[in-house]
Amino acid sequence: MSKILQHTFDVETTGRTLINITDSVSLIVSDSEIEVGLCNIFLHHTSASLTLCENSDPDVCGDLERFFSRLVPDGDPIYRHTEEGPDDMSAHVRSVLTTNSLTVPVADAGLLLGRWQGIYLWEHRKSPYKRRVTVTLQG
């Protein structure tokens, strides 16, 4: 018999950075008692994103941020949507280039991630925000 569960939680960000949320999602999966299935993680925002990333060396997250700062600079004069400051439109572009939803397989009541993979919420704004994440499990 198939089982579907859903849980929502908030993440307080400190500004532009990647935040490892793997433990929070893993706890939801293990508490669900779903042995085999799928875990969808959805972020309810347009200026932050989710990503699967290297979880061993913190330099990877820093390098990603430096790359995106070069690729999508704040305050670029081509932006017309600037009402919330120079990091507003760049944050939207960053979220479009990444994603706001991930699906990870579940096996043995746990996330079936690779050895060096972690689930990260990537805050694209410079100011702190409260971000909402919904985890939906089916198995």
Protein backbone atom coordinates (compact mmCIF):
# COMPACT_ATOMS: atom_id res chain seq x y z
CA MET A 1 0.00 0.00 0.00
CA SER A 2 1.35 3.42 -0.97
CA LYS A 3 1.87 6.08 1.68
CA ILE A 4 2.14 9.86 1.14
CA LEU A 5 3.34 12.25 3.83
CA GLN A 6 4.12 15.95 3.83
CA HIS A 7 6.05 18.10 6.28
CA THR A 8 6.94 21.81 6.13
CA PHE A 9 9.73 23.55 8.02
CA ASP A 10 11.41 26.96 8.04
CA VAL A 11 15.07 27.80 7.60
CA GLU A 12 16.47 31.08 8.94
CA THR A 13 19.17 32.34 6.61
CA THR A 14 21.92 34.80 7.47
CA GLY A 15 22.18 36.29 4.01
CA ARG A 16 23.80 35.04 0.84
CA THR A 17 25.17 31.56 1.53
CA LEU A 18 24.52 27.84 1.11
CA ILE A 19 22.91 26.12 4.11
CA ASN A 20 23.11 22.35 4.46
CA ILE A 21 19.58 21.07 5.18
CA THR A 22 20.36 17.38 4.63
CA ASP A 23 19.96 16.46 8.32
CA SER A 24 16.54 18.14 8.54
CA VAL A 25 15.27 16.33 5.44
CA SER A 26 16.85 13.02 6.52
CA LEU A 27 15.08 13.19 9.88
CA ILE A 28 11.72 13.69 8.17
CA VAL A 29 12.42 10.68 5.92
CA SER A 30 13.49 8.39 8.77
CA ASP A 31 10.51 9.44 10.93
CA SER A 32 8.13 8.65 8.05
CA GLU A 33 8.92 4.92 8.15
CA ILE A 34 8.77 4.84 4.34
CA GLU A 35 11.22 2.13 3.30
CA VAL A 36 11.29 2.73 -0.47
CA GLY A 37 9.98 5.69 -2.44
CA LEU A 38 10.65 9.27 -3.42
CA CYS A 39 11.35 12.41 -1.43
CA ASN A 40 10.52 15.73 -3.05
CA ILE A 41 11.94 18.87 -1.45
CA PHE A 42 10.27 22.14 -2.53
CA LEU A 43 11.33 25.70 -1.67
CA HIS A 44 8.51 28.29 -1.59
CA HIS A 45 10.58 31.28 -2.78
CA THR A 46 11.81 33.03 -5.93
CA SER A 47 15.06 34.51 -4.60
CA ALA A 48 16.57 31.36 -3.09
CA SER A 49 17.03 27.85 -4.43
CA LEU A 50 17.87 24.24 -3.66
CA THR A 51 20.84 22.28 -4.89
CA LEU A 52 22.60 18.97 -4.45
CA CYS A 53 26.19 19.83 -3.71
CA GLU A 54 29.48 18.45 -2.43
CA ASN A 55 29.15 18.16 1.34
CA SER A 56 32.74 17.43 2.33
CA ASP A 57 34.83 20.47 1.43
CA PRO A 58 33.28 23.86 2.36
CA ASP A 59 35.42 25.51 -0.33
CA VAL A 60 32.99 24.09 -2.91
CA CYS A 61 30.15 26.25 -1.56
CA GLY A 62 32.42 29.31 -1.52
CA ASP A 63 33.57 28.62 -5.07
CA LEU A 64 29.96 28.29 -6.24
CA GLU A 65 29.09 31.63 -4.65
CA ARG A 66 32.13 33.34 -6.23
CA PHE A 67 31.22 31.84 -9.64
CA PHE A 68 27.61 33.04 -9.39
CA SER A 69 28.76 36.50 -8.26
CA ARG A 70 30.70 36.75 -11.51
CA LEU A 71 27.98 35.15 -13.65
CA VAL A 72 25.04 37.10 -12.18
CA PRO A 73 26.34 40.36 -10.69
CA ASP A 74 24.24 42.44 -8.32
CA GLY A 75 23.09 45.80 -9.67
CA ASP A 76 23.69 44.99 -13.34
CA PRO A 77 22.34 47.96 -15.35
CA ILE A 78 20.33 45.63 -17.63
CA TYR A 79 17.92 44.88 -14.75
CA ARG A 80 14.68 46.86 -14.60
CA HIS A 81 13.26 45.07 -11.54
CA THR A 82 15.26 46.87 -8.84
CA GLU A 83 12.62 47.96 -6.30
CA GLU A 84 14.08 45.87 -3.46
CA GLY A 85 17.72 46.74 -4.04
CA PRO A 86 20.67 45.74 -6.22
CA ASP A 87 20.56 42.06 -5.13
CA ASP A 88 16.85 41.62 -5.94
CA MET A 89 16.87 40.79 -9.66
CA SER A 90 20.18 38.95 -9.46
CA ALA A 91 18.62 36.71 -6.78
CA HIS A 92 15.71 35.92 -9.12
CA VAL A 93 18.09 35.10 -11.99
CA ARG A 94 20.16 32.86 -9.71
CA SER A 95 17.05 30.94 -8.62
CA VAL A 96 15.93 30.45 -12.24
CA LEU A 97 19.38 29.11 -13.17
CA THR A 98 19.29 26.62 -10.31
CA THR A 99 16.02 25.09 -9.01
CA ASN A 100 13.44 25.30 -6.26
CA SER A 101 12.62 21.58 -6.19
CA LEU A 102 14.65 18.37 -5.86
CA THR A 103 13.61 14.73 -5.87
CA VAL A 104 15.78 12.15 -4.11
CA PRO A 105 15.13 8.39 -3.97
CA VAL A 106 14.40 6.77 -0.61
CA ALA A 107 15.78 3.32 0.23
CA ASP A 108 15.98 1.53 3.58
CA ALA A 109 14.03 4.44 5.16
CA GLY A 110 16.75 6.94 4.24
CA LEU A 111 17.78 9.34 1.49
CA LEU A 112 19.68 7.58 -1.29
CA LEU A 113 22.32 10.29 -1.69
CA GLY A 114 25.79 9.78 -3.06
CA ARG A 115 28.69 9.67 -0.60
CA TRP A 116 29.61 13.33 -1.06
CA GLN A 117 26.14 14.77 -1.74
CA GLY A 118 24.22 17.10 0.52
CA ILE A 119 20.97 19.03 0.10
CA TYR A 120 21.51 22.79 0.34
CA LEU A 121 19.23 25.79 0.53
CA TRP A 122 21.03 28.54 -1.37
CA GLU A 123 20.07 32.01 -0.16
CA HIS A 124 20.58 34.48 -3.00
CA ARG A 125 19.69 37.67 -1.12
CA LYS A 126 22.24 39.52 1.02
CA SER A 127 19.86 40.04 3.95
CA PRO A 128 18.58 37.33 6.31
CA TYR A 129 15.26 35.70 5.43
CA LYS A 130 12.98 32.98 6.75
CA ARG A 131 12.60 30.39 4.00
CA ARG A 132 9.89 27.71 3.89
CA VAL A 133 10.64 24.17 2.71
CA THR A 134 8.07 21.42 2.08
CA VAL A 135 9.12 17.78 2.00
CA THR A 136 6.70 15.36 0.35
CA LEU A 137 7.32 11.63 0.67
CA GLN A 138 5.70 8.89 -1.35
CA GLY A 139 6.44 5.22 -0.93
